PDB file of all heavy atoms in Angstrom:
ATOM      1  N   MET A   1      96.789 201.906  95.653  1.00  0.00           N
ATOM      2  CA  MET A   1      95.951 202.523  96.687  1.00  0.00           C
ATOM      3  C   MET A   1      96.573 203.795  97.247  1.00  0.00           C
ATOM      4  O   MET A   1      95.865 204.757  97.575  1.00  0.00           O
ATOM      5  CB  MET A   1      95.690 201.521  97.816  1.00  0.00           C
ATOM      6  CG  MET A   1      94.755 200.384  97.413  1.00  0.00           C
ATOM      7  SD  MET A   1      94.542 199.091  98.661  1.00  0.00           S
ATOM      8  CE  MET A   1      93.794 199.975  99.999  1.00  0.00           C
ATOM      9  N   GLU A   2      97.912 203.843  97.317  1.00  0.00           N
ATOM     10  CA  GLU A   2      98.602 205.032  97.830  1.00  0.00           C
ATOM     11  C   GLU A   2      98.372 206.235  96.931  1.00  0.00           C
ATOM     12  O   GLU A   2      98.424 207.385  97.390  1.00  0.00           O
ATOM     13  CB  GLU A   2     100.102 204.737  97.966  1.00  0.00           C
ATOM     14  CG  GLU A   2     100.422 203.813  99.116  1.00  0.00           C
ATOM     15  CD  GLU A   2     101.883 203.350  99.096  1.00  0.00           C
ATOM     16  OE1 GLU A   2     102.632 203.781  98.180  1.00  0.00           O
ATOM     17  OE2 GLU A   2     102.270 202.553  99.973  1.00  0.00           O
ATOM     18  N   LYS A   3      98.098 205.978  95.651  1.00  0.00           N
ATOM     19  CA  LYS A   3      97.888 207.074  94.710  1.00  0.00           C
ATOM     20  C   LYS A   3      96.466 207.647  94.782  1.00  0.00           C
ATOM     21  O   LYS A   3      96.209 208.723  94.252  1.00  0.00           O
ATOM     22  CB  LYS A   3      98.162 206.585  93.284  1.00  0.00           C
ATOM     23  CG  LYS A   3      99.622 206.205  93.045  1.00  0.00           C
ATOM     24  CD  LYS A   3      99.815 205.671  91.626  1.00  0.00           C
ATOM     25  CE  LYS A   3     101.263 205.273  91.400  1.00  0.00           C
ATOM     26  NZ  LYS A   3     101.472 204.700  90.045  1.00  0.00           N
ATOM     27  N   LYS A   4      95.574 206.932  95.434  1.00  0.00           N
ATOM     28  CA  LYS A   4      94.175 207.381  95.542  1.00  0.00           C
ATOM     29  C   LYS A   4      93.695 207.265  96.980  1.00  0.00           C
ATOM     30  O   LYS A   4      92.746 206.537  97.269  1.00  0.00           O
ATOM     31  CB  LYS A   4      93.276 206.565  94.592  1.00  0.00           C
ATOM     32  CG  LYS A   4      93.588 206.767  93.119  1.00  0.00           C
ATOM     33  CD  LYS A   4      92.614 206.027  92.238  1.00  0.00           C
ATOM     34  CE  LYS A   4      92.929 206.226  90.761  1.00  0.00           C
ATOM     35  NZ  LYS A   4      92.687 207.621  90.325  1.00  0.00           N
ATOM     36  N   PRO A   5      94.352 207.961  97.900  1.00  0.00           N
ATOM     37  CA  PRO A   5      93.991 207.800  99.336  1.00  0.00           C
ATOM     38  C   PRO A   5      92.570 208.226  99.646  1.00  0.00           C
ATOM     39  O   PRO A   5      91.995 207.780 100.633  1.00  0.00           O
ATOM     40  CB  PRO A   5      95.025 208.690 100.035  1.00  0.00           C
ATOM     41  CG  PRO A   5      95.448 209.692  98.994  1.00  0.00           C
ATOM     42  CD  PRO A   5      95.421 208.949  97.691  1.00  0.00           C
ATOM     43  N   GLU A   6      92.009 209.128  98.814  1.00  0.00           N
ATOM     44  CA  GLU A   6      90.657 209.623  99.090  1.00  0.00           C
ATOM     45  C   GLU A   6      89.605 208.526  99.038  1.00  0.00           C
ATOM     46  O   GLU A   6      88.534 208.657  99.641  1.00  0.00           O
ATOM     47  CB  GLU A   6      90.300 210.743  98.104  1.00  0.00           C
ATOM     48  CG  GLU A   6      90.119 210.317  96.648  1.00  0.00           C
ATOM     49  CD  GLU A   6      91.424 210.170  95.884  1.00  0.00           C
ATOM     50  OE1 GLU A   6      92.513 210.345  96.504  1.00  0.00           O
ATOM     51  OE2 GLU A   6      91.367 209.936  94.655  1.00  0.00           O
ATOM     52  N   LEU A   7      89.917 207.413  98.331  1.00  0.00           N
ATOM     53  CA  LEU A   7      88.942 206.315  98.236  1.00  0.00           C
ATOM     54  C   LEU A   7      88.816 205.526  99.526  1.00  0.00           C
ATOM     55  O   LEU A   7      87.855 204.785  99.710  1.00  0.00           O
ATOM     56  CB  LEU A   7      89.322 205.379  97.081  1.00  0.00           C
ATOM     57  CG  LEU A   7      89.235 205.918  95.666  1.00  0.00           C
ATOM     58  CD1 LEU A   7      89.750 204.881  94.664  1.00  0.00           C
ATOM     59  CD2 LEU A   7      87.791 206.309  95.335  1.00  0.00           C
ATOM     60  N   PHE A   8      89.801 205.690 100.405  1.00  0.00           N
ATOM     61  CA  PHE A   8      89.886 204.796 101.567  1.00  0.00           C
ATOM     62  C   PHE A   8      89.882 205.557 102.890  1.00  0.00           C
ATOM     63  O   PHE A   8      90.260 205.002 103.921  1.00  0.00           O
ATOM     64  CB  PHE A   8      91.167 203.945 101.464  1.00  0.00           C
ATOM     65  CG  PHE A   8      91.371 203.366 100.101  1.00  0.00           C
ATOM     66  CD1 PHE A   8      92.312 203.918  99.226  1.00  0.00           C
ATOM     67  CD2 PHE A   8      90.593 202.316  99.644  1.00  0.00           C
ATOM     68  CE1 PHE A   8      92.484 203.403  97.947  1.00  0.00           C
ATOM     69  CE2 PHE A   8      90.754 201.810  98.375  1.00  0.00           C
ATOM     70  CZ  PHE A   8      91.706 202.355  97.522  1.00  0.00           C
ATOM     71  N   GLU A   9      89.419 206.787 102.854  1.00  0.00           N
ATOM     72  CA  GLU A   9      89.424 207.610 104.061  1.00  0.00           C
ATOM     73  C   GLU A   9      88.576 207.018 105.177  1.00  0.00           C
ATOM     74  O   GLU A   9      88.867 207.225 106.363  1.00  0.00           O
ATOM     75  CB  GLU A   9      88.909 209.020 103.716  1.00  0.00           C
ATOM     76  CG  GLU A   9      89.871 209.819 102.848  1.00  0.00           C
ATOM     77  CD  GLU A   9      89.301 211.157 102.453  1.00  0.00           C
ATOM     78  OE1 GLU A   9      88.088 211.375 102.699  1.00  0.00           O
ATOM     79  OE2 GLU A   9      90.038 211.994 101.887  1.00  0.00           O
ATOM     80  N   ASN A  10      87.524 206.309 104.823  1.00  0.00           N
ATOM     81  CA  ASN A  10      86.625 205.767 105.834  1.00  0.00           C
ATOM     82  C   ASN A  10      86.954 204.340 106.278  1.00  0.00           C
ATOM     83  O   ASN A  10      86.203 203.727 107.037  1.00  0.00           O
ATOM     84  CB  ASN A  10      85.178 205.794 105.314  1.00  0.00           C
ATOM     85  CG  ASN A  10      84.695 207.205 105.048  1.00  0.00           C
ATOM     86  OD1 ASN A  10      85.020 208.122 105.797  1.00  0.00           O
ATOM     87  ND2 ASN A  10      83.922 207.403 103.982  1.00  0.00           N
ATOM     88  N   LEU A  11      88.074 203.814 105.792  1.00  0.00           N
ATOM     89  CA  LEU A  11      88.462 202.451 106.131  1.00  0.00           C
ATOM     90  C   LEU A  11      89.533 202.446 107.215  1.00  0.00           C
ATOM     91  O   LEU A  11      90.523 203.195 107.105  1.00  0.00           O
ATOM     92  CB  LEU A  11      88.994 201.698 104.903  1.00  0.00           C
ATOM     93  CG  LEU A  11      88.068 201.540 103.698  1.00  0.00           C
ATOM     94  CD1 LEU A  11      88.712 200.668 102.641  1.00  0.00           C
ATOM     95  CD2 LEU A  11      86.719 200.982 104.119  1.00  0.00           C
ATOM     96  N   ASP A  12      89.347 201.635 108.250  1.00  0.00           N
ATOM     97  CA  ASP A  12      90.403 201.519 109.257  1.00  0.00           C
ATOM     98  C   ASP A  12      91.535 200.640 108.704  1.00  0.00           C
ATOM     99  O   ASP A  12      91.429 200.060 107.622  1.00  0.00           O
ATOM    100  CB  ASP A  12      89.856 200.965 110.577  1.00  0.00           C
ATOM    101  CG  ASP A  12      89.242 199.572 110.445  1.00  0.00           C
ATOM    102  OD1 ASP A  12      89.666 198.794 109.548  1.00  0.00           O
ATOM    103  OD2 ASP A  12      88.328 199.254 111.223  1.00  0.00           O
ATOM    104  N   GLU A  13      92.604 200.564 109.448  1.00  0.00           N
ATOM    105  CA  GLU A  13      93.798 199.874 108.955  1.00  0.00           C
ATOM    106  C   GLU A  13      93.545 198.403 108.687  1.00  0.00           C
ATOM    107  O   GLU A  13      94.018 197.827 107.699  1.00  0.00           O
ATOM    108  CB  GLU A  13      94.939 200.022 109.955  1.00  0.00           C
ATOM    109  CG  GLU A  13      96.287 199.511 109.448  1.00  0.00           C
ATOM    110  CD  GLU A  13      96.744 200.171 108.152  1.00  0.00           C
ATOM    111  OE1 GLU A  13      96.469 201.370 107.979  1.00  0.00           O
ATOM    112  OE2 GLU A  13      97.365 199.471 107.318  1.00  0.00           O
ATOM    113  N   LYS A  14      92.765 197.745 109.544  1.00  0.00           N
ATOM    114  CA  LYS A  14      92.452 196.334 109.359  1.00  0.00           C
ATOM    115  C   LYS A  14      91.679 196.121 108.049  1.00  0.00           C
ATOM    116  O   LYS A  14      91.973 195.206 107.286  1.00  0.00           O
ATOM    117  CB  LYS A  14      91.640 195.817 110.561  1.00  0.00           C
ATOM    118  CG  LYS A  14      91.270 194.338 110.477  1.00  0.00           C
ATOM    119  CD  LYS A  14      90.568 193.896 111.741  1.00  0.00           C
ATOM    120  CE  LYS A  14      90.214 192.421 111.736  1.00  0.00           C
ATOM    121  NZ  LYS A  14      89.170 192.109 110.744  1.00  0.00           N
ATOM    122  N   LYS A  15      90.683 196.976 107.807  1.00  0.00           N
ATOM    123  CA  LYS A  15      89.880 196.846 106.591  1.00  0.00           C
ATOM    124  C   LYS A  15      90.734 197.103 105.350  1.00  0.00           C
ATOM    125  O   LYS A  15      90.568 196.441 104.320  1.00  0.00           O
ATOM    126  CB  LYS A  15      88.721 197.848 106.653  1.00  0.00           C
ATOM    127  CG  LYS A  15      87.643 197.609 105.595  1.00  0.00           C
ATOM    128  CD  LYS A  15      86.774 196.434 105.979  1.00  0.00           C
ATOM    129  CE  LYS A  15      85.552 196.340 105.106  1.00  0.00           C
ATOM    130  NZ  LYS A  15      84.664 195.235 105.436  1.00  0.00           N
ATOM    131  N   ARG A  16      91.676 198.032 105.435  1.00  0.00           N
ATOM    132  CA  ARG A  16      92.566 198.303 104.295  1.00  0.00           C
ATOM    133  C   ARG A  16      93.429 197.084 103.976  1.00  0.00           C
ATOM    134  O   ARG A  16      93.628 196.755 102.811  1.00  0.00           O
ATOM    135  CB  ARG A  16      93.441 199.521 104.580  1.00  0.00           C
ATOM    136  CG  ARG A  16      92.672 200.825 104.625  1.00  0.00           C
ATOM    137  CD  ARG A  16      93.625 202.005 104.711  1.00  0.00           C
ATOM    138  NE  ARG A  16      92.900 203.244 104.995  1.00  0.00           N
ATOM    139  CZ  ARG A  16      93.382 204.462 104.780  1.00  0.00           C
ATOM    140  NH1 ARG A  16      94.589 204.597 104.252  1.00  0.00           N
ATOM    141  NH2 ARG A  16      92.657 205.518 105.074  1.00  0.00           N
ATOM    142  N   ARG A  17      93.954 196.464 105.024  1.00  0.00           N
ATOM    143  CA  ARG A  17      94.772 195.259 104.805  1.00  0.00           C
ATOM    144  C   ARG A  17      93.958 194.154 104.148  1.00  0.00           C
ATOM    145  O   ARG A  17      94.437 193.464 103.252  1.00  0.00           O
ATOM    146  CB  ARG A  17      95.353 194.778 106.138  1.00  0.00           C
ATOM    147  CG  ARG A  17      96.480 195.628 106.697  1.00  0.00           C
ATOM    148  CD  ARG A  17      97.274 194.884 107.759  1.00  0.00           C
ATOM    149  NE  ARG A  17      96.425 194.329 108.802  1.00  0.00           N
ATOM    150  CZ  ARG A  17      96.126 194.971 109.920  1.00  0.00           C
ATOM    151  NH1 ARG A  17      96.585 196.205 110.136  1.00  0.00           N
ATOM    152  NH2 ARG A  17      95.385 194.402 110.857  1.00  0.00           N
ATOM    153  N   GLU A  18      92.731 194.004 104.614  1.00  0.00           N
ATOM    154  CA  GLU A  18      91.855 192.968 104.031  1.00  0.00           C
ATOM    155  C   GLU A  18      91.565 193.279 102.574  1.00  0.00           C
ATOM    156  O   GLU A  18      91.552 192.378 101.721  1.00  0.00           O
ATOM    157  CB  GLU A  18      90.539 192.887 104.815  1.00  0.00           C
ATOM    158  CG  GLU A  18      90.714 192.308 106.217  1.00  0.00           C
ATOM    159  CD  GLU A  18      89.422 192.385 107.027  1.00  0.00           C
ATOM    160  OE1 GLU A  18      88.495 193.101 106.612  1.00  0.00           O
ATOM    161  OE2 GLU A  18      89.341 191.712 108.076  1.00  0.00           O
ATOM    162  N   LEU A  19      91.325 194.553 102.262  1.00  0.00           N
ATOM    163  CA  LEU A  19      91.048 194.955 100.875  1.00  0.00           C
ATOM    164  C   LEU A  19      92.260 194.686  99.998  1.00  0.00           C
ATOM    165  O   LEU A  19      92.126 194.204  98.858  1.00  0.00           O
ATOM    166  CB  LEU A  19      90.653 196.416 100.823  1.00  0.00           C
ATOM    167  CG  LEU A  19      90.411 197.001  99.423  1.00  0.00           C
ATOM    168  CD1 LEU A  19      89.326 196.225  98.682  1.00  0.00           C
ATOM    169  CD2 LEU A  19      90.041 198.477  99.522  1.00  0.00           C
ATOM    170  N   VAL A  20      93.454 195.003 100.494  1.00  0.00           N
ATOM    171  CA  VAL A  20      94.681 194.705  99.724  1.00  0.00           C
ATOM    172  C   VAL A  20      94.743 193.232  99.382  1.00  0.00           C
ATOM    173  O   VAL A  20      95.014 192.854  98.235  1.00  0.00           O
ATOM    174  CB  VAL A  20      95.932 195.143 100.510  1.00  0.00           C
ATOM    175  CG1 VAL A  20      97.187 194.558  99.876  1.00  0.00           C
ATOM    176  CG2 VAL A  20      96.038 196.651 100.593  1.00  0.00           C
ATOM    177  N   SER A  21      94.497 192.377 100.349  1.00  0.00           N
ATOM    178  CA  SER A  21      94.583 190.925 100.111  1.00  0.00           C
ATOM    179  C   SER A  21      93.489 190.461  99.168  1.00  0.00           C
ATOM    180  O   SER A  21      93.741 189.614  98.299  1.00  0.00           O
ATOM    181  CB  SER A  21      94.487 190.181 101.451  1.00  0.00           C
ATOM    182  OG  SER A  21      95.581 190.491 102.293  1.00  0.00           O
ATOM    183  N   PHE A  22      92.294 191.017  99.327  1.00  0.00           N
ATOM    184  CA  PHE A  22      91.194 190.674  98.437  1.00  0.00           C
ATOM    185  C   PHE A  22      91.519 191.011  96.976  1.00  0.00           C
ATOM    186  O   PHE A  22      91.334 190.199  96.069  1.00  0.00           O
ATOM    187  CB  PHE A  22      89.945 191.440  98.903  1.00  0.00           C
ATOM    188  CG  PHE A  22      88.769 191.341  98.001  1.00  0.00           C
ATOM    189  CD1 PHE A  22      87.979 190.203  97.959  1.00  0.00           C
ATOM    190  CD2 PHE A  22      88.379 192.430  97.204  1.00  0.00           C
ATOM    191  CE1 PHE A  22      86.853 190.122  97.124  1.00  0.00           C
ATOM    192  CE2 PHE A  22      87.272 192.365  96.379  1.00  0.00           C
ATOM    193  CZ  PHE A  22      86.513 191.204  96.331  1.00  0.00           C
ATOM    194  N   LEU A  23      92.024 192.215  96.754  1.00  0.00           N
ATOM    195  CA  LEU A  23      92.356 192.621  95.378  1.00  0.00           C
ATOM    196  C   LEU A  23      93.587 191.866  94.870  1.00  0.00           C
ATOM    197  O   LEU A  23      93.692 191.597  93.669  1.00  0.00           O
ATOM    198  CB  LEU A  23      92.598 194.124  95.336  1.00  0.00           C
ATOM    199  CG  LEU A  23      91.352 195.002  95.590  1.00  0.00           C
ATOM    200  CD1 LEU A  23      91.709 196.465  95.596  1.00  0.00           C
ATOM    201  CD2 LEU A  23      90.265 194.713  94.558  1.00  0.00           C
ATOM    202  N   ALA A  24      94.497 191.508  95.768  1.00  0.00           N
ATOM    203  CA  ALA A  24      95.649 190.695  95.363  1.00  0.00           C
ATOM    204  C   ALA A  24      95.191 189.319  94.890  1.00  0.00           C
ATOM    205  O   ALA A  24      95.749 188.767  93.935  1.00  0.00           O
ATOM    206  CB  ALA A  24      96.632 190.575  96.538  1.00  0.00           C
ATOM    207  N   MET A  25      94.182 188.747  95.548  1.00  0.00           N
ATOM    208  CA  MET A  25      93.627 187.476  95.090  1.00  0.00           C
ATOM    209  C   MET A  25      93.060 187.636  93.673  1.00  0.00           C
ATOM    210  O   MET A  25      93.182 186.757  92.825  1.00  0.00           O
ATOM    211  CB  MET A  25      92.549 186.988  96.055  1.00  0.00           C
ATOM    212  CG  MET A  25      93.075 186.632  97.442  1.00  0.00           C
ATOM    213  SD  MET A  25      91.746 186.337  98.626  1.00  0.00           S
ATOM    214  CE  MET A  25      91.348 184.635  98.270  1.00  0.00           C
ATOM    215  N   GLY A  26      92.444 188.805  93.418  1.00  0.00           N
ATOM    216  CA  GLY A  26      91.925 189.069  92.081  1.00  0.00           C
ATOM    217  C   GLY A  26      93.026 189.178  91.057  1.00  0.00           C
ATOM    218  O   GLY A  26      92.854 188.742  89.902  1.00  0.00           O
ATOM    219  N   ALA A  27      94.159 189.740  91.442  1.00  0.00           N
ATOM    220  CA  ALA A  27      95.309 189.825  90.521  1.00  0.00           C
ATOM    221  C   ALA A  27      95.823 188.456  90.163  1.00  0.00           C
ATOM    222  O   ALA A  27      96.199 188.158  89.008  1.00  0.00           O
ATOM    223  CB  ALA A  27      96.423 190.666  91.152  1.00  0.00           C
ATOM    224  N   ASN A  28      95.852 187.564  91.141  1.00  0.00           N
ATOM    225  CA  ASN A  28      96.266 186.181  90.856  1.00  0.00           C
ATOM    226  C   ASN A  28      95.252 185.470  89.952  1.00  0.00           C
ATOM    227  O   ASN A  28      95.654 184.720  89.051  1.00  0.00           O
ATOM    228  CB  ASN A  28      96.412 185.403  92.178  1.00  0.00           C
ATOM    229  CG  ASN A  28      96.610 183.934  91.979  1.00  0.00           C
ATOM    230  OD1 ASN A  28      95.659 183.157  92.040  1.00  0.00           O
ATOM    231  ND2 ASN A  28      97.853 183.532  91.705  1.00  0.00           N
ATOM    232  N   ILE A  29      93.967 185.729  90.156  1.00  0.00           N
ATOM    233  CA  ILE A  29      92.945 185.168  89.257  1.00  0.00           C
ATOM    234  C   ILE A  29      93.193 185.635  87.839  1.00  0.00           C
ATOM    235  O   ILE A  29      93.163 184.851  86.887  1.00  0.00           O
ATOM    236  CB  ILE A  29      91.533 185.576  89.729  1.00  0.00           C
ATOM    237  CG1 ILE A  29      91.173 184.884  91.043  1.00  0.00           C
ATOM    238  CG2 ILE A  29      90.488 185.237  88.661  1.00  0.00           C
ATOM    239  CD1 ILE A  29      89.902 185.412  91.685  1.00  0.00           C
ATOM    240  N   ASP A  30      93.444 186.950  87.674  1.00  0.00           N
ATOM    241  CA  ASP A  30      93.666 187.480  86.337  1.00  0.00           C
ATOM    242  C   ASP A  30      94.904 186.837  85.681  1.00  0.00           C
ATOM    243  O   ASP A  30      94.872 186.511  84.485  1.00  0.00           O
ATOM    244  CB  ASP A  30      93.844 188.990  86.402  1.00  0.00           C
ATOM    245  CG  ASP A  30      93.927 189.616  85.034  1.00  0.00           C
ATOM    246  OD1 ASP A  30      92.887 189.736  84.356  1.00  0.00           O
ATOM    247  OD2 ASP A  30      95.073 189.924  84.588  1.00  0.00           O
ATOM    248  N   GLU A  31      95.944 186.658  86.439  1.00  0.00           N
ATOM    249  CA  GLU A  31      97.143 185.998  85.910  1.00  0.00           C
ATOM    250  C   GLU A  31      96.824 184.596  85.410  1.00  0.00           C
ATOM    251  O   GLU A  31      97.276 184.176  84.323  1.00  0.00           O
ATOM    252  CB  GLU A  31      98.223 185.943  86.988  1.00  0.00           C
ATOM    253  CG  GLU A  31      99.526 185.314  86.547  1.00  0.00           C
ATOM    254  CD  GLU A  31     100.548 185.348  87.676  1.00  0.00           C
ATOM    255  OE1 GLU A  31     101.190 186.389  87.873  1.00  0.00           O
ATOM    256  OE2 GLU A  31     100.666 184.306  88.371  1.00  0.00           O
ATOM    257  N   ASN A  32      96.017 183.882  86.155  1.00  0.00           N
ATOM    258  CA  ASN A  32      95.626 182.538  85.736  1.00  0.00           C
ATOM    259  C   ASN A  32      94.705 182.553  84.535  1.00  0.00           C
ATOM    260  O   ASN A  32      94.748 181.652  83.703  1.00  0.00           O
ATOM    261  CB  ASN A  32      94.992 181.803  86.899  1.00  0.00           C
ATOM    262  CG  ASN A  32      96.002 181.163  87.815  1.00  0.00           C
ATOM    263  OD1 ASN A  32      96.589 180.137  87.484  1.00  0.00           O
ATOM    264  ND2 ASN A  32      96.250 181.770  88.975  1.00  0.00           N
ATOM    265  N   MET A  33      93.867 183.569  84.448  1.00  0.00           N
ATOM    266  CA  MET A  33      93.044 183.713  83.247  1.00  0.00           C
ATOM    267  C   MET A  33      93.921 183.893  82.016  1.00  0.00           C
ATOM    268  O   MET A  33      93.622 183.347  80.940  1.00  0.00           O
ATOM    269  CB  MET A  33      92.078 184.881  83.394  1.00  0.00           C
ATOM    270  CG  MET A  33      90.880 184.602  84.257  1.00  0.00           C
ATOM    271  SD  MET A  33      89.774 183.327  83.557  1.00  0.00           S
ATOM    272  CE  MET A  33      89.259 184.111  82.025  1.00  0.00           C
ATOM    273  N   GLY A  34      94.989 184.654  82.155  1.00  0.00           N
ATOM    274  CA  GLY A  34      95.947 184.813  81.040  1.00  0.00           C
ATOM    275  C   GLY A  34      96.553 183.480  80.651  1.00  0.00           C
ATOM    276  O   GLY A  34      96.721 183.170  79.450  1.00  0.00           O
ATOM    277  N   LYS A  35      96.899 182.685  81.655  1.00  0.00           N
ATOM    278  CA  LYS A  35      97.477 181.359  81.396  1.00  0.00           C
ATOM    279  C   LYS A  35      96.486 180.496  80.612  1.00  0.00           C
ATOM    280  O   LYS A  35      96.857 179.808  79.649  1.00  0.00           O
ATOM    281  CB  LYS A  35      97.828 180.715  82.738  1.00  0.00           C
ATOM    282  CG  LYS A  35      98.588 179.400  82.635  1.00  0.00           C
ATOM    283  CD  LYS A  35      98.658 178.646  83.966  1.00  0.00           C
ATOM    284  CE  LYS A  35      98.893 179.535  85.149  1.00  0.00           C
ATOM    285  NZ  LYS A  35      98.948 178.778  86.417  1.00  0.00           N
ATOM    286  N   LEU A  36      95.217 180.540  81.008  1.00  0.00           N
ATOM    287  CA  LEU A  36      94.199 179.754  80.331  1.00  0.00           C
ATOM    288  C   LEU A  36      93.995 180.213  78.891  1.00  0.00           C
ATOM    289  O   LEU A  36      93.942 179.395  77.960  1.00  0.00           O
ATOM    290  CB  LEU A  36      92.881 179.840  81.112  1.00  0.00           C
ATOM    291  CG  LEU A  36      91.648 179.222  80.444  1.00  0.00           C
ATOM    292  CD1 LEU A  36      91.810 177.706  80.308  1.00  0.00           C
ATOM    293  CD2 LEU A  36      90.371 179.532  81.218  1.00  0.00           C
ATOM    294  N   LEU A  37      93.860 181.518  78.704  1.00  0.00           N
ATOM    295  CA  LEU A  37      93.625 182.037  77.348  1.00  0.00           C
ATOM    296  C   LEU A  37      94.818 181.757  76.447  1.00  0.00           C
ATOM    297  O   LEU A  37      94.643 181.443  75.259  1.00  0.00           O
ATOM    298  CB  LEU A  37      93.336 183.540  77.413  1.00  0.00           C
ATOM    299  CG  LEU A  37      92.044 183.925  78.140  1.00  0.00           C
ATOM    300  CD1 LEU A  37      91.932 185.444  78.251  1.00  0.00           C
ATOM    301  CD2 LEU A  37      90.809 183.349  77.444  1.00  0.00           C
ATOM    302  N   ASP A  38      96.021 181.859  76.974  1.00  0.00           N
ATOM    303  CA  ASP A  38      97.221 181.557  76.175  1.00  0.00           C
ATOM    304  C   ASP A  38      97.236 180.074  75.797  1.00  0.00           C
ATOM    305  O   ASP A  38      97.581 179.715  74.659  1.00  0.00           O
ATOM    306  CB  ASP A  38      98.491 181.884  76.968  1.00  0.00           C
ATOM    307  CG  ASP A  38      98.713 183.384  77.082  1.00  0.00           C
ATOM    308  OD1 ASP A  38      98.057 184.154  76.363  1.00  0.00           O
ATOM    309  OD2 ASP A  38      99.543 183.793  77.927  1.00  0.00           O
ATOM    310  N   PHE A  39      96.861 179.214  76.743  1.00  0.00           N
ATOM    311  CA  PHE A  39      96.795 177.779  76.419  1.00  0.00           C
ATOM    312  C   PHE A  39      95.811 177.514  75.271  1.00  0.00           C
ATOM    313  O   PHE A  39      96.114 176.761  74.358  1.00  0.00           O
ATOM    314  CB  PHE A  39      96.358 176.993  77.678  1.00  0.00           C
ATOM    315  CG  PHE A  39      95.775 175.656  77.386  1.00  0.00           C
ATOM    316  CD1 PHE A  39      96.548 174.610  76.883  1.00  0.00           C
ATOM    317  CD2 PHE A  39      94.409 175.418  77.601  1.00  0.00           C
ATOM    318  CE1 PHE A  39      95.992 173.377  76.596  1.00  0.00           C
ATOM    319  CE2 PHE A  39      93.845 174.198  77.318  1.00  0.00           C
ATOM    320  CZ  PHE A  39      94.639 173.166  76.812  1.00  0.00           C
ATOM    321  N   LEU A  40      94.660 178.142  75.346  1.00  0.00           N
ATOM    322  CA  LEU A  40      93.667 177.927  74.272  1.00  0.00           C
ATOM    323  C   LEU A  40      94.191 178.451  72.931  1.00  0.00           C
ATOM    324  O   LEU A  40      94.007 177.792  71.887  1.00  0.00           O
ATOM    325  CB  LEU A  40      92.356 178.627  74.645  1.00  0.00           C
ATOM    326  CG  LEU A  40      91.617 178.079  75.864  1.00  0.00           C
ATOM    327  CD1 LEU A  40      90.414 178.947  76.199  1.00  0.00           C
ATOM    328  CD2 LEU A  40      91.193 176.626  75.659  1.00  0.00           C
ATOM    329  N   ASP A  41      94.840 179.594  72.939  1.00  0.00           N
ATOM    330  CA  ASP A  41      95.403 180.139  71.708  1.00  0.00           C
ATOM    331  C   ASP A  41      96.503 179.242  71.139  1.00  0.00           C
ATOM    332  O   ASP A  41      96.496 178.900  69.953  1.00  0.00           O
ATOM    333  CB  ASP A  41      95.983 181.537  71.950  1.00  0.00           C
ATOM    334  CG  ASP A  41      94.898 182.589  72.155  1.00  0.00           C
ATOM    335  OD1 ASP A  41      93.717 182.301  71.856  1.00  0.00           O
ATOM    336  OD2 ASP A  41      95.231 183.681  72.656  1.00  0.00           O
TER     337      ASP A  41
END
């Protein structure tokens, strides 16, 4: 997010923190998807 500050100019600090956590949850989902696909392989 620090590399693309223009995307978040209209977000207050609270909203930015929430977005970070939301996308972090997505990163954890993706990691688990990798675990599942590796298991199937």
